[in-house]
């Protein structure tokens, strides 16, 4: 008796949406300011997050979580298979630096970046970890607990209609 061939999922459908590619490439990127100095002012933090989200979308990447600090940026996103992580981060750094300097903010990104691939099952946990980070250099004191969403001045806020977590945006 011949066994039936296993069912192969329709690779042109993802989450029941026609035309949505069957891939899920998630990455967590971190890039520092020049010399790891606190060059991103408090007023510029929300602008950095907004510009990163805007640029990701223009580059056809799906931002999931963005958190800017005075000395670094954390970004969790879903990449398309054709993306080069190095080219994407380079364009994000150049684009945000240019836009912020044009708006009167002094921001300079340092060389390089850190990147880690994330499984789909880990995305939520990484997102939580990014939101729990203290506004201190990564090598310093342990991470302190943060208040829940909406319970503190820097609790996670979603950009209106965007579905992207960015805790410093105030509207």
C-alpha atoms as a PDB file:
ATOM      1  CA  UNK A   1       0.000   0.000   0.000  1.00  0.00           C
ATOM      2  CA  UNK A   2       1.359   3.403  -0.996  1.00  0.00           C
ATOM      3  CA  UNK A   3       1.161   6.156   1.586  1.00  0.00           C
ATOM      4  CA  UNK A   4      -0.137   9.527   0.453  1.00  0.00           C
ATOM      5  CA  UNK A   5       2.419  12.279  -0.058  1.00  0.00           C
ATOM      6  CA  UNK A   6       2.634  14.747   2.810  1.00  0.00           C
ATOM      7  CA  UNK A   7       0.751  17.988   2.344  1.00  0.00           C
ATOM      8  CA  UNK A   8       2.991  20.893   1.425  1.00  0.00           C
ATOM      9  CA  UNK A   9       1.704  24.250   2.630  1.00  0.00           C
ATOM     10  CA  UNK A  10       0.974  26.874   0.028  1.00  0.00           C
ATOM     11  CA  UNK A  11       4.154  28.961   0.152  1.00  0.00           C
ATOM     12  CA  UNK A  12       2.385  31.936  -1.404  1.00  0.00           C
ATOM     13  CA  UNK A  13       0.133  32.247   1.639  1.00  0.00           C
ATOM     14  CA  UNK A  14       1.334  33.379   5.044  1.00  0.00           C
ATOM     15  CA  UNK A  15      -1.175  33.800   7.839  1.00  0.00           C
ATOM     16  CA  UNK A  16      -3.910  33.283   5.248  1.00  0.00           C
ATOM     17  CA  UNK A  17      -2.914  36.438   3.348  1.00  0.00           C
ATOM     18  CA  UNK A  18      -2.383  35.949  -0.391  1.00  0.00           C
ATOM     19  CA  UNK A  19       0.902  37.287  -1.702  1.00  0.00           C
ATOM     20  CA  UNK A  20       2.572  37.447   1.696  1.00  0.00           C
ATOM     21  CA  UNK A  21       5.917  35.686   1.496  1.00  0.00           C
ATOM     22  CA  UNK A  22       6.484  32.539   3.523  1.00  0.00           C
ATOM     23  CA  UNK A  23       9.459  33.749   5.511  1.00  0.00           C
ATOM     24  CA  UNK A  24      10.009  35.021   8.998  1.00  0.00           C
ATOM     25  CA  UNK A  25      13.459  36.444   9.519  1.00  0.00           C
ATOM     26  CA  UNK A  26      13.631  38.362  12.789  1.00  0.00           C
ATOM     27  CA  UNK A  27      16.692  40.282  13.994  1.00  0.00           C
ATOM     28  CA  UNK A  28      17.678  42.360  16.995  1.00  0.00           C
ATOM     29  CA  UNK A  29      20.090  45.161  16.079  1.00  0.00           C
ATOM     30  CA  UNK A  30      21.952  47.476  18.424  1.00  0.00           C
ATOM     31  CA  UNK A  31      24.167  50.357  17.340  1.00  0.00           C
ATOM     32  CA  UNK A  32      26.038  52.860  19.518  1.00  0.00           C
ATOM     33  CA  UNK A  33      26.655  56.561  19.360  1.00  0.00           C
ATOM     34  CA  UNK A  34      30.156  57.753  18.506  1.00  0.00           C
ATOM     35  CA  UNK A  35      32.468  56.710  21.346  1.00  0.00           C
ATOM     36  CA  UNK A  36      29.448  55.388  23.214  1.00  0.00           C
ATOM     37  CA  UNK A  37      28.925  58.949  24.473  1.00  0.00           C
ATOM     38  CA  UNK A  38      25.433  60.175  25.473  1.00  0.00           C
ATOM     39  CA  UNK A  39      24.870  62.139  22.268  1.00  0.00           C
ATOM     40  CA  UNK A  40      21.108  61.567  21.906  1.00  0.00           C
ATOM     41  CA  UNK A  41      19.364  64.206  24.001  1.00  0.00           C
ATOM     42  CA  UNK A  42      16.118  63.516  25.833  1.00  0.00           C
ATOM     43  CA  UNK A  43      14.196  65.533  23.230  1.00  0.00           C
ATOM     44  CA  UNK A  44      15.835  63.627  20.361  1.00  0.00           C
ATOM     45  CA  UNK A  45      14.998  60.128  21.681  1.00  0.00           C
ATOM     46  CA  UNK A  46      11.430  60.132  20.326  1.00  0.00           C
ATOM     47  CA  UNK A  47      12.648  61.602  17.035  1.00  0.00           C
ATOM     48  CA  UNK A  48      15.217  58.800  16.673  1.00  0.00           C
ATOM     49  CA  UNK A  49      12.508  56.196  17.241  1.00  0.00           C
ATOM     50  CA  UNK A  50      10.142  57.862  14.754  1.00  0.00           C
ATOM     51  CA  UNK A  51      12.854  58.128  12.086  1.00  0.00           C
ATOM     52  CA  UNK A  52      13.962  54.513  12.554  1.00  0.00           C
ATOM     53  CA  UNK A  53      10.363  53.298  12.125  1.00  0.00           C
ATOM     54  CA  UNK A  54       9.821  55.483   9.053  1.00  0.00           C
ATOM     55  CA  UNK A  55      13.092  54.410   7.436  1.00  0.00           C
ATOM     56  CA  UNK A  56      12.450  50.711   8.134  1.00  0.00           C
ATOM     57  CA  UNK A  57       9.132  50.941   6.338  1.00  0.00           C
ATOM     58  CA  UNK A  58      10.663  52.815   3.406  1.00  0.00           C
ATOM     59  CA  UNK A  59      13.282  50.062   3.163  1.00  0.00           C
ATOM     60  CA  UNK A  60      10.552  47.394   3.209  1.00  0.00           C
ATOM     61  CA  UNK A  61      11.464  46.038   6.649  1.00  0.00           C
ATOM     62  CA  UNK A  62       8.861  45.516   9.369  1.00  0.00           C
ATOM     63  CA  UNK A  63       9.849  47.214  12.660  1.00  0.00           C
ATOM     64  CA  UNK A  64       8.535  45.434  15.738  1.00  0.00           C
ATOM     65  CA  UNK A  65      10.184  47.295  18.606  1.00  0.00           C
ATOM     66  CA  UNK A  66      12.416  50.374  18.742  1.00  0.00           C
ATOM     67  CA  UNK A  67      14.092  51.803  21.824  1.00  0.00           C
ATOM     68  CA  UNK A  68      16.511  54.702  21.707  1.00  0.00           C
ATOM     69  CA  UNK A  69      18.843  55.617  24.549  1.00  0.00           C
ATOM     70  CA  UNK A  70      21.281  58.453  24.984  1.00  0.00           C
ATOM     71  CA  UNK A  71      24.134  56.172  23.822  1.00  0.00           C
ATOM     72  CA  UNK A  72      22.559  53.467  21.626  1.00  0.00           C
ATOM     73  CA  UNK A  73      19.514  52.247  19.697  1.00  0.00           C
ATOM     74  CA  UNK A  74      17.847  48.832  19.935  1.00  0.00           C
ATOM     75  CA  UNK A  75      15.719  47.646  17.021  1.00  0.00           C
ATOM     76  CA  UNK A  76      13.798  44.393  16.630  1.00  0.00           C
ATOM     77  CA  UNK A  77      12.459  43.864  13.131  1.00  0.00           C
ATOM     78  CA  UNK A  78      11.358  41.384  10.528  1.00  0.00           C
ATOM     79  CA  UNK A  79      13.605  41.325   7.475  1.00  0.00           C
ATOM     80  CA  UNK A  80      12.810  40.324   3.939  1.00  0.00           C
ATOM     81  CA  UNK A  81      15.068  37.653   2.400  1.00  0.00           C
ATOM     82  CA  UNK A  82      16.701  40.155   0.044  1.00  0.00           C
ATOM     83  CA  UNK A  83      17.869  42.468   2.825  1.00  0.00           C
ATOM     84  CA  UNK A  84      21.514  42.763   3.729  1.00  0.00           C
ATOM     85  CA  UNK A  85      21.712  43.480   7.481  1.00  0.00           C
ATOM     86  CA  UNK A  86      24.858  45.581   6.989  1.00  0.00           C
ATOM     87  CA  UNK A  87      23.290  47.705   4.240  1.00  0.00           C
ATOM     88  CA  UNK A  88      20.038  48.097   6.185  1.00  0.00           C
ATOM     89  CA  UNK A  89      21.756  49.281   9.392  1.00  0.00           C
ATOM     90  CA  UNK A  90      24.034  51.579   7.414  1.00  0.00           C
ATOM     91  CA  UNK A  91      21.041  53.242   5.764  1.00  0.00           C
ATOM     92  CA  UNK A  92      19.202  53.506   9.094  1.00  0.00           C
ATOM     93  CA  UNK A  93      22.200  55.118  10.789  1.00  0.00           C
ATOM     94  CA  UNK A  94      22.858  57.535   7.914  1.00  0.00           C
ATOM     95  CA  UNK A  95      19.188  58.441   7.510  1.00  0.00           C
ATOM     96  CA  UNK A  96      18.510  59.089  11.193  1.00  0.00           C
ATOM     97  CA  UNK A  97      21.735  61.041  11.661  1.00  0.00           C
ATOM     98  CA  UNK A  98      20.990  63.265   8.647  1.00  0.00           C
ATOM     99  CA  UNK A  99      17.357  63.890   9.627  1.00  0.00           C
ATOM    100  CA  UNK A 100      18.180  64.659  13.247  1.00  0.00           C
ATOM    101  CA  UNK A 101      21.024  67.001  12.374  1.00  0.00           C
ATOM    102  CA  UNK A 102      18.707  68.836   9.980  1.00  0.00           C
ATOM    103  CA  UNK A 103      16.253  69.211  12.900  1.00  0.00           C
ATOM    104  CA  UNK A 104      18.986  70.744  15.060  1.00  0.00           C
ATOM    105  CA  UNK A 105      19.996  67.692  17.117  1.00  0.00           C
ATOM    106  CA  UNK A 106      23.646  66.681  17.447  1.00  0.00           C
ATOM    107  CA  UNK A 107      23.696  62.932  16.851  1.00  0.00           C
ATOM    108  CA  UNK A 108      26.647  60.895  15.589  1.00  0.00           C
ATOM    109  CA  UNK A 109      26.555  57.111  15.328  1.00  0.00           C
ATOM    110  CA  UNK A 110      29.631  55.043  16.044  1.00  0.00           C
ATOM    111  CA  UNK A 111      31.106  52.401  13.783  1.00  0.00           C
ATOM    112  CA  UNK A 112      29.552  48.983  13.612  1.00  0.00           C
ATOM    113  CA  UNK A 113      26.522  47.328  15.139  1.00  0.00           C
ATOM    114  CA  UNK A 114      25.518  44.142  16.911  1.00  0.00           C
ATOM    115  CA  UNK A 115      23.000  41.765  15.357  1.00  0.00           C
ATOM    116  CA  UNK A 116      21.296  38.605  16.523  1.00  0.00           C
ATOM    117  CA  UNK A 117      18.769  36.488  14.680  1.00  0.00           C
ATOM    118  CA  UNK A 118      15.643  35.641  16.643  1.00  0.00           C
ATOM    119  CA  UNK A 119      13.213  32.789  16.188  1.00  0.00           C
ATOM    120  CA  UNK A 120       9.556  33.725  15.863  1.00  0.00           C
ATOM    121  CA  UNK A 121       8.920  32.181  19.278  1.00  0.00           C
ATOM    122  CA  UNK A 122      11.516  34.481  20.912  1.00  0.00           C
ATOM    123  CA  UNK A 123      10.300  37.788  19.485  1.00  0.00           C
ATOM    124  CA  UNK A 124       7.988  38.577  22.420  1.00  0.00           C
ATOM    125  CA  UNK A 125      10.657  37.767  25.021  1.00  0.00           C
ATOM    126  CA  UNK A 126      13.280  39.901  23.244  1.00  0.00           C
ATOM    127  CA  UNK A 127      10.783  42.743  22.969  1.00  0.00           C
ATOM    128  CA  UNK A 128      10.188  42.557  26.736  1.00  0.00           C
ATOM    129  CA  UNK A 129      13.936  42.545  27.426  1.00  0.00           C
ATOM    130  CA  UNK A 130      14.475  45.598  25.233  1.00  0.00           C
ATOM    131  CA  UNK A 131      11.743  47.466  27.136  1.00  0.00           C
ATOM    132  CA  UNK A 132      13.291  46.520  30.491  1.00  0.00           C
ATOM    133  CA  UNK A 133      16.712  47.927  29.699  1.00  0.00           C
ATOM    134  CA  UNK A 134      17.917  50.676  31.985  1.00  0.00           C
ATOM    135  CA  UNK A 135      19.103  53.923  30.432  1.00  0.00           C
ATOM    136  CA  UNK A 136      22.722  53.117  31.250  1.00  0.00           C
ATOM    137  CA  UNK A 137      25.623  51.597  29.322  1.00  0.00           C
ATOM    138  CA  UNK A 138      25.153  47.877  28.659  1.00  0.00           C
ATOM    139  CA  UNK A 139      28.241  47.015  30.705  1.00  0.00           C
ATOM    140  CA  UNK A 140      27.114  48.781  33.891  1.00  0.00           C
ATOM    141  CA  UNK A 141      24.643  47.978  36.670  1.00  0.00           C
ATOM    142  CA  UNK A 142      22.064  45.212  36.404  1.00  0.00           C
ATOM    143  CA  UNK A 143      18.784  45.976  34.695  1.00  0.00           C
ATOM    144  CA  UNK A 144      16.226  47.434  37.090  1.00  0.00           C
ATOM    145  CA  UNK A 145      12.545  46.480  36.829  1.00  0.00           C
ATOM    146  CA  UNK A 146      10.372  48.867  34.837  1.00  0.00           C
ATOM    147  CA  UNK A 147       6.752  49.812  35.431  1.00  0.00           C
ATOM    148  CA  UNK A 148       4.194  48.194  33.154  1.00  0.00           C
ATOM    149  CA  UNK A 149       2.791  49.833  30.023  1.00  0.00           C
ATOM    150  CA  UNK A 150       1.305  53.229  30.695  1.00  0.00           C
ATOM    151  CA  UNK A 151       2.355  53.215  34.377  1.00  0.00           C
ATOM    152  CA  UNK A 152       5.417  55.418  34.168  1.00  0.00           C
ATOM    153  CA  UNK A 153       6.708  58.368  32.200  1.00  0.00           C
ATOM    154  CA  UNK A 154       8.644  56.016  29.929  1.00  0.00           C
ATOM    155  CA  UNK A 155       6.298  53.016  29.761  1.00  0.00           C
ATOM    156  CA  UNK A 156       5.865  51.471  26.274  1.00  0.00           C
ATOM    157  CA  UNK A 157       3.694  53.492  23.930  1.00  0.00           C
ATOM    158  CA  UNK A 158       2.538  52.437  20.494  1.00  0.00           C
ATOM    159  CA  UNK A 159       2.818  54.882  17.647  1.00  0.00           C
ATOM    160  CA  UNK A 160      -0.707  55.646  16.574  1.00  0.00           C
ATOM    161  CA  UNK A 161      -1.852  53.085  14.067  1.00  0.00           C
ATOM    162  CA  UNK A 162       1.638  51.669  13.581  1.00  0.00           C
ATOM    163  CA  UNK A 163       1.690  48.603  15.842  1.00  0.00           C
ATOM    164  CA  UNK A 164       5.343  49.379  16.715  1.00  0.00           C
ATOM    165  CA  UNK A 165       6.408  49.624  20.343  1.00  0.00           C
ATOM    166  CA  UNK A 166       8.506  52.701  21.045  1.00  0.00           C
ATOM    167  CA  UNK A 167       8.463  53.802  24.688  1.00  0.00           C
ATOM    168  CA  UNK A 168       9.561  57.420  24.336  1.00  0.00           C
ATOM    169  CA  UNK A 169       7.089  58.644  21.764  1.00  0.00           C
ATOM    170  CA  UNK A 170       4.482  60.926  23.317  1.00  0.00           C
ATOM    171  CA  UNK A 171       2.258  61.589  20.341  1.00  0.00           C
END
